[in-house]
Amino acid sequence: MRDLDDLAPVTLEELDERAALRRRVDTKYVVPVERLRDLIGRVADSYQVLEIDGHRRFNYESVYFDTPDLRCFHDHVAGRRPRFKARTRLYRETGVCFFEVKVRMADETVKRQRPQDKGEHGAVTEPARRFLEETLREVAGEGPPDDLAPTLSTRYERITLGAREGGERATIDLAVELRSMDDRSASLRDGYTLMETKSEDGGGAVDRLVRDAGHEPLSISKYRLGVGLLLADDPESATAQPLRSCFA
């Protein structure tokens, strides 16, 4: 059986080039760790693994910003469009940090980012605030609230697979931890991974394998899940119970 070490490497530049100018559908799953080796073996001839400086597993840390009354969370719960999320993301192996804005429109999600000093990870600096203002004015026609503050952090280890042809890719997140600013936390239970695929129609090779193994797509937002578990009531908790039960 082939595993991660047997896959051919691919650079980030090559992955991004293949995905350029493609409209992609994001589909998310919870997949048992025990299924991963079989899954990787089945796509080993048609997929490669992202490798940077000899690393194939990367530690990500994000800090999400929201208002004291959790406007971004409640906009997500209500399905409001346009709505936005803002965060800093730190790539620990490289020390690279970005301030990122995601705007959910009626039929697409627009993502913008700007570099930020890693010492300012978890802060809305003045340049970041201006960037957020400019992005929201341009994309959504509205400005951001004035009282954004760090609300939730997420940490996880990520593996990224990319198809040799076309723009399909899949990410596998392990050891996921969600933590509020008052130090409450929830962690993905041992034995589970969060997987996200990106394909043109939501029906890529990895999607077919995962679904054939009996794993149905789920609506997963790490931010909404973390706030719903640690900080606020989420009215869809009952329907999301299979996902919530994977966290301790």
C-alpha atoms as a PDB file:
ATOM      1  CA  MET A   1       0.000   0.000   0.000  1.00  0.00           C
ATOM      2  CA  ARG A   2       1.401   3.382  -0.964  1.00  0.00           C
ATOM      3  CA  ASP A   3       1.396   6.253   1.522  1.00  0.00           C
ATOM      4  CA  LEU A   4       2.188   9.965   1.619  1.00  0.00           C
ATOM      5  CA  ASP A   5       5.933   9.447   1.248  1.00  0.00           C
ATOM      6  CA  ASP A   6       5.389   7.599  -2.028  1.00  0.00           C
ATOM      7  CA  LEU A   7       3.645  10.492  -3.766  1.00  0.00           C
ATOM      8  CA  ALA A   8       5.621  12.663  -6.162  1.00  0.00           C
ATOM      9  CA  PRO A   9       6.141  16.244  -4.911  1.00  0.00           C
ATOM     10  CA  VAL A  10       4.664  19.411  -6.425  1.00  0.00           C
ATOM     11  CA  THR A  11       5.561  23.023  -5.694  1.00  0.00           C
ATOM     12  CA  LEU A  12       3.102  25.671  -4.556  1.00  0.00           C
ATOM     13  CA  GLU A  13       3.762  27.642  -7.739  1.00  0.00           C
ATOM     14  CA  GLU A  14       2.833  24.634  -9.897  1.00  0.00           C
ATOM     15  CA  LEU A  15      -0.339  24.025  -7.889  1.00  0.00           C
ATOM     16  CA  ASP A  16      -1.418  27.651  -8.181  1.00  0.00           C
ATOM     17  CA  GLU A  17      -0.668  27.713 -11.905  1.00  0.00           C
ATOM     18  CA  ARG A  18      -2.895  24.696 -12.523  1.00  0.00           C
ATOM     19  CA  ALA A  19      -5.746  26.249 -10.544  1.00  0.00           C
ATOM     20  CA  ALA A  20      -5.467  29.717 -12.140  1.00  0.00           C
ATOM     21  CA  LEU A  21      -8.563  31.084 -13.850  1.00  0.00           C
ATOM     22  CA  ARG A  22     -10.635  28.059 -12.813  1.00  0.00           C
ATOM     23  CA  ARG A  23     -13.948  28.316 -11.014  1.00  0.00           C
ATOM     24  CA  ARG A  24     -13.850  25.787  -8.185  1.00  0.00           C
ATOM     25  CA  VAL A  25     -16.448  24.215  -5.933  1.00  0.00           C
ATOM     26  CA  ASP A  26     -15.342  23.562  -2.338  1.00  0.00           C
ATOM     27  CA  THR A  27     -16.680  20.357  -0.771  1.00  0.00           C
ATOM     28  CA  LYS A  28     -15.923  19.255   2.795  1.00  0.00           C
ATOM     29  CA  TYR A  29     -15.956  15.915   4.610  1.00  0.00           C
ATOM     30  CA  VAL A  30     -15.042  14.278   7.906  1.00  0.00           C
ATOM     31  CA  VAL A  31     -12.907  11.231   7.075  1.00  0.00           C
ATOM     32  CA  PRO A  32     -11.472   8.656   9.512  1.00  0.00           C
ATOM     33  CA  VAL A  33      -7.678   8.591   9.611  1.00  0.00           C
ATOM     34  CA  GLU A  34      -7.767   4.855   8.891  1.00  0.00           C
ATOM     35  CA  ARG A  35      -9.203   5.617   5.441  1.00  0.00           C
ATOM     36  CA  LEU A  36      -6.417   8.004   4.455  1.00  0.00           C
ATOM     37  CA  ARG A  37      -3.785   5.469   3.464  1.00  0.00           C
ATOM     38  CA  ASP A  38      -6.206   3.656   1.175  1.00  0.00           C
ATOM     39  CA  LEU A  39      -7.368   6.973  -0.311  1.00  0.00           C
ATOM     40  CA  ILE A  40      -3.808   8.175  -0.934  1.00  0.00           C
ATOM     41  CA  GLY A  41      -2.921   4.841  -2.510  1.00  0.00           C
ATOM     42  CA  ARG A  42      -5.831   5.108  -4.919  1.00  0.00           C
ATOM     43  CA  VAL A  43      -4.848   8.559  -6.191  1.00  0.00           C
ATOM     44  CA  ALA A  44      -1.056   8.140  -6.041  1.00  0.00           C
ATOM     45  CA  ASP A  45      -0.689   7.865  -9.832  1.00  0.00           C
ATOM     46  CA  SER A  46      -2.828  10.906 -10.627  1.00  0.00           C
ATOM     47  CA  TYR A  47      -2.116  13.239  -7.669  1.00  0.00           C
ATOM     48  CA  GLN A  48       0.997  14.813  -6.170  1.00  0.00           C
ATOM     49  CA  VAL A  49       1.665  16.163  -2.693  1.00  0.00           C
ATOM     50  CA  LEU A  50       2.668  19.740  -1.929  1.00  0.00           C
ATOM     51  CA  GLU A  51       6.282  19.876  -0.746  1.00  0.00           C
ATOM     52  CA  ILE A  52       8.131  22.994   0.445  1.00  0.00           C
ATOM     53  CA  ASP A  53      11.714  22.826   1.738  1.00  0.00           C
ATOM     54  CA  GLY A  54      11.338  19.094   2.308  1.00  0.00           C
ATOM     55  CA  HIS A  55       8.103  19.465   4.304  1.00  0.00           C
ATOM     56  CA  ARG A  56       4.881  17.713   3.306  1.00  0.00           C
ATOM     57  CA  ARG A  57       2.898  18.534   6.447  1.00  0.00           C
ATOM     58  CA  PHE A  58       2.420  22.151   7.419  1.00  0.00           C
ATOM     59  CA  ASN A  59       1.239  23.773  10.649  1.00  0.00           C
ATOM     60  CA  TYR A  60      -1.331  26.511  10.166  1.00  0.00           C
ATOM     61  CA  GLU A  61      -2.561  28.970  12.761  1.00  0.00           C
ATOM     62  CA  SER A  62      -5.384  31.453  12.127  1.00  0.00           C
ATOM     63  CA  VAL A  63      -6.899  34.149  14.318  1.00  0.00           C
ATOM     64  CA  TYR A  64     -10.407  35.302  13.368  1.00  0.00           C
ATOM     65  CA  PHE A  65     -11.775  38.735  14.154  1.00  0.00           C
ATOM     66  CA  ASP A  66     -15.348  39.591  15.087  1.00  0.00           C
ATOM     67  CA  THR A  67     -17.313  42.217  16.986  1.00  0.00           C
ATOM     68  CA  PRO A  68     -18.214  41.843  20.697  1.00  0.00           C
ATOM     69  CA  ASP A  69     -21.734  40.803  19.662  1.00  0.00           C
ATOM     70  CA  LEU A  70     -20.344  38.323  17.068  1.00  0.00           C
ATOM     71  CA  ARG A  71     -21.734  40.014  13.985  1.00  0.00           C
ATOM     72  CA  CYS A  72     -19.723  37.883  11.539  1.00  0.00           C
ATOM     73  CA  PHE A  73     -20.890  34.685  13.240  1.00  0.00           C
ATOM     74  CA  HIS A  74     -24.545  35.741  13.279  1.00  0.00           C
ATOM     75  CA  ASP A  75     -24.361  36.892   9.628  1.00  0.00           C
ATOM     76  CA  HIS A  76     -23.121  33.393   8.763  1.00  0.00           C
ATOM     77  CA  VAL A  77     -25.896  31.723  10.768  1.00  0.00           C
ATOM     78  CA  ALA A  78     -28.521  33.929   9.098  1.00  0.00           C
ATOM     79  CA  GLY A  79     -27.095  33.254   5.629  1.00  0.00           C
ATOM     80  CA  ARG A  80     -26.620  36.965   4.991  1.00  0.00           C
ATOM     81  CA  ARG A  81     -24.995  37.894   1.688  1.00  0.00           C
ATOM     82  CA  PRO A  82     -22.758  39.710   1.306  1.00  0.00           C
ATOM     83  CA  ARG A  83     -20.982  38.761   4.517  1.00  0.00           C
ATOM     84  CA  PHE A  84     -17.312  38.629   5.419  1.00  0.00           C
ATOM     85  CA  LYS A  85     -14.704  36.952   7.575  1.00  0.00           C
ATOM     86  CA  ALA A  86     -11.356  38.487   8.455  1.00  0.00           C
ATOM     87  CA  ARG A  87      -8.362  36.672   9.900  1.00  0.00           C
ATOM     88  CA  THR A  88      -4.597  36.515  10.062  1.00  0.00           C
ATOM     89  CA  ARG A  89      -3.012  33.245   9.009  1.00  0.00           C
ATOM     90  CA  LEU A  90       0.472  32.160  10.040  1.00  0.00           C
ATOM     91  CA  TYR A  91       2.369  29.395   8.250  1.00  0.00           C
ATOM     92  CA  ARG A  92       4.654  28.201  11.011  1.00  0.00           C
ATOM     93  CA  GLU A  93       7.257  26.343   8.937  1.00  0.00           C
ATOM     94  CA  THR A  94       8.034  29.408   6.826  1.00  0.00           C
ATOM     95  CA  GLY A  95       7.055  32.210   9.223  1.00  0.00           C
ATOM     96  CA  VAL A  96       4.921  33.766   6.474  1.00  0.00           C
ATOM     97  CA  CYS A  97       1.825  35.616   7.681  1.00  0.00           C
ATOM     98  CA  PHE A  98      -1.121  37.159   5.831  1.00  0.00           C
ATOM     99  CA  PHE A  99      -4.128  39.258   6.741  1.00  0.00           C
ATOM    100  CA  GLU A 100      -7.014  37.707   4.788  1.00  0.00           C
ATOM    101  CA  VAL A 101     -10.556  38.766   3.949  1.00  0.00           C
ATOM    102  CA  LYS A 102     -13.228  36.432   2.580  1.00  0.00           C
ATOM    103  CA  VAL A 103     -16.437  37.960   1.232  1.00  0.00           C
ATOM    104  CA  ARG A 104     -19.357  35.618   0.546  1.00  0.00           C
ATOM    105  CA  MET A 105     -21.430  37.003  -2.294  1.00  0.00           C
ATOM    106  CA  ALA A 106     -24.612  35.610  -3.831  1.00  0.00           C
ATOM    107  CA  ASP A 107     -22.840  33.137  -6.105  1.00  0.00           C
ATOM    108  CA  GLU A 108     -19.153  33.153  -5.175  1.00  0.00           C
ATOM    109  CA  THR A 109     -16.617  33.786  -2.432  1.00  0.00           C
ATOM    110  CA  VAL A 110     -14.024  36.486  -3.031  1.00  0.00           C
ATOM    111  CA  LYS A 111     -10.740  36.093  -1.126  1.00  0.00           C
ATOM    112  CA  ARG A 112      -8.121  38.831  -0.777  1.00  0.00           C
ATOM    113  CA  GLN A 113      -4.935  38.872   1.275  1.00  0.00           C
ATOM    114  CA  ARG A 114      -1.964  41.078   2.095  1.00  0.00           C
ATOM    115  CA  PRO A 115       1.348  40.215   3.791  1.00  0.00           C
ATOM    116  CA  GLN A 116       1.604  40.982   7.493  1.00  0.00           C
ATOM    117  CA  ASP A 117       4.576  40.752   9.844  1.00  0.00           C
ATOM    118  CA  LYS A 118       4.456  37.498  11.797  1.00  0.00           C
ATOM    119  CA  GLY A 119       4.905  39.508  15.010  1.00  0.00           C
ATOM    120  CA  GLU A 120       1.511  41.104  14.244  1.00  0.00           C
ATOM    121  CA  HIS A 121      -0.290  37.785  13.790  1.00  0.00           C
ATOM    122  CA  GLY A 122      -3.625  38.087  15.597  1.00  0.00           C
ATOM    123  CA  ALA A 123      -3.825  41.885  15.272  1.00  0.00           C
ATOM    124  CA  VAL A 124      -5.821  44.220  13.033  1.00  0.00           C
ATOM    125  CA  THR A 125      -3.081  46.716  12.218  1.00  0.00           C
ATOM    126  CA  GLU A 126      -3.841  50.081  10.629  1.00  0.00           C
ATOM    127  CA  PRO A 127      -2.696  48.863   7.172  1.00  0.00           C
ATOM    128  CA  ALA A 128      -4.848  45.750   7.620  1.00  0.00           C
ATOM    129  CA  ARG A 129      -7.845  47.859   8.637  1.00  0.00           C
ATOM    130  CA  ARG A 130      -7.453  50.028   5.528  1.00  0.00           C
ATOM    131  CA  PHE A 131      -7.124  46.891   3.391  1.00  0.00           C
ATOM    132  CA  LEU A 132     -10.312  45.468   4.920  1.00  0.00           C
ATOM    133  CA  GLU A 133     -12.151  48.741   4.321  1.00  0.00           C
ATOM    134  CA  GLU A 134     -11.016  48.939   0.700  1.00  0.00           C
ATOM    135  CA  THR A 135     -11.899  45.298   0.033  1.00  0.00           C
ATOM    136  CA  LEU A 136     -15.392  45.489   1.509  1.00  0.00           C
ATOM    137  CA  ARG A 137     -16.161  48.791  -0.229  1.00  0.00           C
ATOM    138  CA  GLU A 138     -15.057  47.381  -3.587  1.00  0.00           C
ATOM    139  CA  VAL A 139     -16.568  43.901  -3.319  1.00  0.00           C
ATOM    140  CA  ALA A 140     -19.637  44.339  -1.098  1.00  0.00           C
ATOM    141  CA  GLY A 141     -20.346  48.063  -1.263  1.00  0.00           C
ATOM    142  CA  GLU A 142     -20.176  48.496   2.504  1.00  0.00           C
ATOM    143  CA  GLY A 143     -17.614  49.172   5.207  1.00  0.00           C
ATOM    144  CA  PRO A 144     -16.477  47.022   8.143  1.00  0.00           C
ATOM    145  CA  PRO A 145     -17.497  47.511  11.780  1.00  0.00           C
ATOM    146  CA  ASP A 146     -15.148  49.593  13.917  1.00  0.00           C
ATOM    147  CA  ASP A 147     -14.873  47.182  16.840  1.00  0.00           C
ATOM    148  CA  LEU A 148     -13.312  44.037  15.387  1.00  0.00           C
ATOM    149  CA  ALA A 149     -11.163  42.103  17.850  1.00  0.00           C
ATOM    150  CA  PRO A 150      -9.565  38.630  18.068  1.00  0.00           C
ATOM    151  CA  THR A 151     -12.321  36.113  18.777  1.00  0.00           C
ATOM    152  CA  LEU A 152     -11.198  32.592  17.874  1.00  0.00           C
ATOM    153  CA  SER A 153      -7.959  30.870  16.913  1.00  0.00           C
ATOM    154  CA  THR A 154      -7.589  27.654  14.952  1.00  0.00           C
ATOM    155  CA  ARG A 155      -4.567  25.388  14.702  1.00  0.00           C
ATOM    156  CA  TYR A 156      -4.091  22.310  12.576  1.00  0.00           C
ATOM    157  CA  GLU A 157      -1.653  20.322  10.469  1.00  0.00           C
ATOM    158  CA  ARG A 158      -2.405  20.286   6.735  1.00  0.00           C
ATOM    159  CA  ILE A 159      -1.480  18.018   3.837  1.00  0.00           C
ATOM    160  CA  THR A 160      -2.300  19.265   0.321  1.00  0.00           C
ATOM    161  CA  LEU A 161      -2.773  16.985  -2.690  1.00  0.00           C
ATOM    162  CA  GLY A 162      -3.013  18.278  -6.258  1.00  0.00           C
ATOM    163  CA  ALA A 163      -4.078  16.511  -9.451  1.00  0.00           C
ATOM    164  CA  ARG A 164      -1.343  16.115 -12.062  1.00  0.00           C
ATOM    165  CA  GLU A 165      -3.771  17.412 -14.691  1.00  0.00           C
ATOM    166  CA  GLY A 166      -6.365  20.111 -14.157  1.00  0.00           C
ATOM    167  CA  GLY A 167      -6.951  22.211 -11.079  1.00  0.00           C
ATOM    168  CA  GLU A 168      -8.386  19.661  -8.639  1.00  0.00           C
ATOM    169  CA  ARG A 169      -6.843  19.553  -5.192  1.00  0.00           C
ATOM    170  CA  ALA A 170      -7.640  18.218  -1.741  1.00  0.00           C
ATOM    171  CA  THR A 171      -6.518  19.309   1.711  1.00  0.00           C
ATOM    172  CA  ILE A 172      -6.388  17.021   4.741  1.00  0.00           C
ATOM    173  CA  ASP A 173      -6.442  18.714   8.162  1.00  0.00           C
ATOM    174  CA  LEU A 174      -5.229  16.807  11.209  1.00  0.00           C
ATOM    175  CA  ALA A 175      -5.006  17.668  14.933  1.00  0.00           C
ATOM    176  CA  VAL A 176      -7.529  20.504  14.578  1.00  0.00           C
ATOM    177  CA  GLU A 177      -7.848  22.724  17.660  1.00  0.00           C
ATOM    178  CA  LEU A 178     -10.376  25.557  18.077  1.00  0.00           C
ATOM    179  CA  ARG A 179      -9.654  28.012  20.910  1.00  0.00           C
ATOM    180  CA  SER A 180     -11.443  31.118  22.187  1.00  0.00           C
ATOM    181  CA  MET A 181      -9.600  34.135  23.533  1.00  0.00           C
ATOM    182  CA  ASP A 182     -10.586  33.174  27.110  1.00  0.00           C
ATOM    183  CA  ASP A 183      -8.725  29.858  26.584  1.00  0.00           C
ATOM    184  CA  ARG A 184     -11.666  27.497  26.149  1.00  0.00           C
ATOM    185  CA  SER A 185     -10.967  24.918  23.478  1.00  0.00           C
ATOM    186  CA  ALA A 186     -12.359  22.058  21.422  1.00  0.00           C
ATOM    187  CA  SER A 187     -10.210  19.556  19.525  1.00  0.00           C
ATOM    188  CA  LEU A 188     -10.920  17.111  16.723  1.00  0.00           C
ATOM    189  CA  ARG A 189     -10.992  13.639  18.251  1.00  0.00           C
ATOM    190  CA  ASP A 190      -8.182  11.237  17.478  1.00  0.00           C
ATOM    191  CA  GLY A 191      -8.996   9.136  14.476  1.00  0.00           C
ATOM    192  CA  TYR A 192     -10.659  11.860  12.376  1.00  0.00           C
ATOM    193  CA  THR A 193      -9.547  14.331   9.717  1.00  0.00           C
ATOM    194  CA  LEU A 194     -11.275  17.246   8.023  1.00  0.00           C
ATOM    195  CA  MET A 195     -10.955  17.020   4.250  1.00  0.00           C
ATOM    196  CA  GLU A 196     -11.787  19.680   1.691  1.00  0.00           C
ATOM    197  CA  THR A 197     -11.758  19.188  -2.068  1.00  0.00           C
ATOM    198  CA  LYS A 198     -11.651  21.854  -4.753  1.00  0.00           C
ATOM    199  CA  SER A 199     -12.936  20.874  -8.187  1.00  0.00           C
ATOM    200  CA  GLU A 200     -14.843  22.429 -11.049  1.00  0.00           C
ATOM    201  CA  ASP A 201     -18.161  20.761 -10.220  1.00  0.00           C
ATOM    202  CA  GLY A 202     -17.756  19.164  -6.799  1.00  0.00           C
ATOM    203  CA  GLY A 203     -17.330  15.743  -8.380  1.00  0.00           C
ATOM    204  CA  GLY A 204     -13.569  15.252  -8.644  1.00  0.00           C
ATOM    205  CA  ALA A 205     -11.670  11.994  -8.288  1.00  0.00           C
ATOM    206  CA  VAL A 206     -11.163  12.378  -4.536  1.00  0.00           C
ATOM    207  CA  ASP A 207     -14.837  13.315  -4.070  1.00  0.00           C
ATOM    208  CA  ARG A 208     -15.922  10.123  -5.777  1.00  0.00           C
ATOM    209  CA  LEU A 209     -13.613   7.975  -3.649  1.00  0.00           C
ATOM    210  CA  VAL A 210     -14.701   9.612  -0.402  1.00  0.00           C
ATOM    211  CA  ARG A 211     -18.401   9.312  -1.231  1.00  0.00           C
ATOM    212  CA  ASP A 212     -18.024   5.718  -2.409  1.00  0.00           C
ATOM    213  CA  ALA A 213     -16.548   5.010   1.042  1.00  0.00           C
ATOM    214  CA  GLY A 214     -19.782   6.298   2.594  1.00  0.00           C
ATOM    215  CA  HIS A 215     -18.754   9.811   3.662  1.00  0.00           C
ATOM    216  CA  GLU A 216     -21.261  12.481   2.690  1.00  0.00           C
ATOM    217  CA  PRO A 217     -20.396  16.180   2.196  1.00  0.00           C
ATOM    218  CA  LEU A 218     -20.846  18.400   5.257  1.00  0.00           C
ATOM    219  CA  SER A 219     -21.187  22.125   5.783  1.00  0.00           C
ATOM    220  CA  ILE A 220     -18.036  22.941   7.757  1.00  0.00           C
ATOM    221  CA  SER A 221     -16.743  26.350   8.746  1.00  0.00           C
ATOM    222  CA  LYS A 222     -14.036  26.171  11.381  1.00  0.00           C
ATOM    223  CA  TYR A 223     -14.971  29.648  12.576  1.00  0.00           C
ATOM    224  CA  ARG A 224     -18.700  29.001  12.852  1.00  0.00           C
ATOM    225  CA  LEU A 225     -18.084  25.596  14.426  1.00  0.00           C
ATOM    226  CA  GLY A 226     -15.635  27.012  16.973  1.00  0.00           C
ATOM    227  CA  VAL A 227     -17.901  29.882  18.001  1.00  0.00           C
ATOM    228  CA  GLY A 228     -20.896  27.555  18.148  1.00  0.00           C
ATOM    229  CA  LEU A 229     -19.042  25.116  20.393  1.00  0.00           C
ATOM    230  CA  LEU A 230     -17.353  27.660  22.667  1.00  0.00           C
ATOM    231  CA  LEU A 231     -19.028  31.083  22.605  1.00  0.00           C
ATOM    232  CA  ALA A 232     -22.618  31.164  21.341  1.00  0.00           C
ATOM    233  CA  ASP A 233     -25.670  29.048  20.588  1.00  0.00           C
ATOM    234  CA  ASP A 234     -25.963  27.893  17.004  1.00  0.00           C
ATOM    235  CA  PRO A 235     -29.568  27.176  15.986  1.00  0.00           C
ATOM    236  CA  GLU A 236     -28.422  24.430  13.616  1.00  0.00           C
ATOM    237  CA  SER A 237     -26.569  22.511  16.328  1.00  0.00           C
ATOM    238  CA  ALA A 238     -28.907  19.531  16.099  1.00  0.00           C
ATOM    239  CA  THR A 239     -28.416  19.052  12.365  1.00  0.00           C
ATOM    240  CA  ALA A 240     -24.649  19.490  12.781  1.00  0.00           C
ATOM    241  CA  GLN A 241     -24.419  16.985  15.629  1.00  0.00           C
ATOM    242  CA  PRO A 242     -22.524  14.326  13.614  1.00  0.00           C
ATOM    243  CA  LEU A 243     -19.800  16.925  13.029  1.00  0.00           C
ATOM    244  CA  ARG A 244     -19.875  18.380  16.551  1.00  0.00           C
ATOM    245  CA  SER A 245     -19.585  14.922  18.051  1.00  0.00           C
ATOM    246  CA  CYS A 246     -16.187  14.548  16.351  1.00  0.00           C
ATOM    247  CA  PHE A 247     -14.845  17.292  18.658  1.00  0.00           C
ATOM    248  CA  ALA A 248     -13.942  16.998  22.337  1.00  0.00           C
END
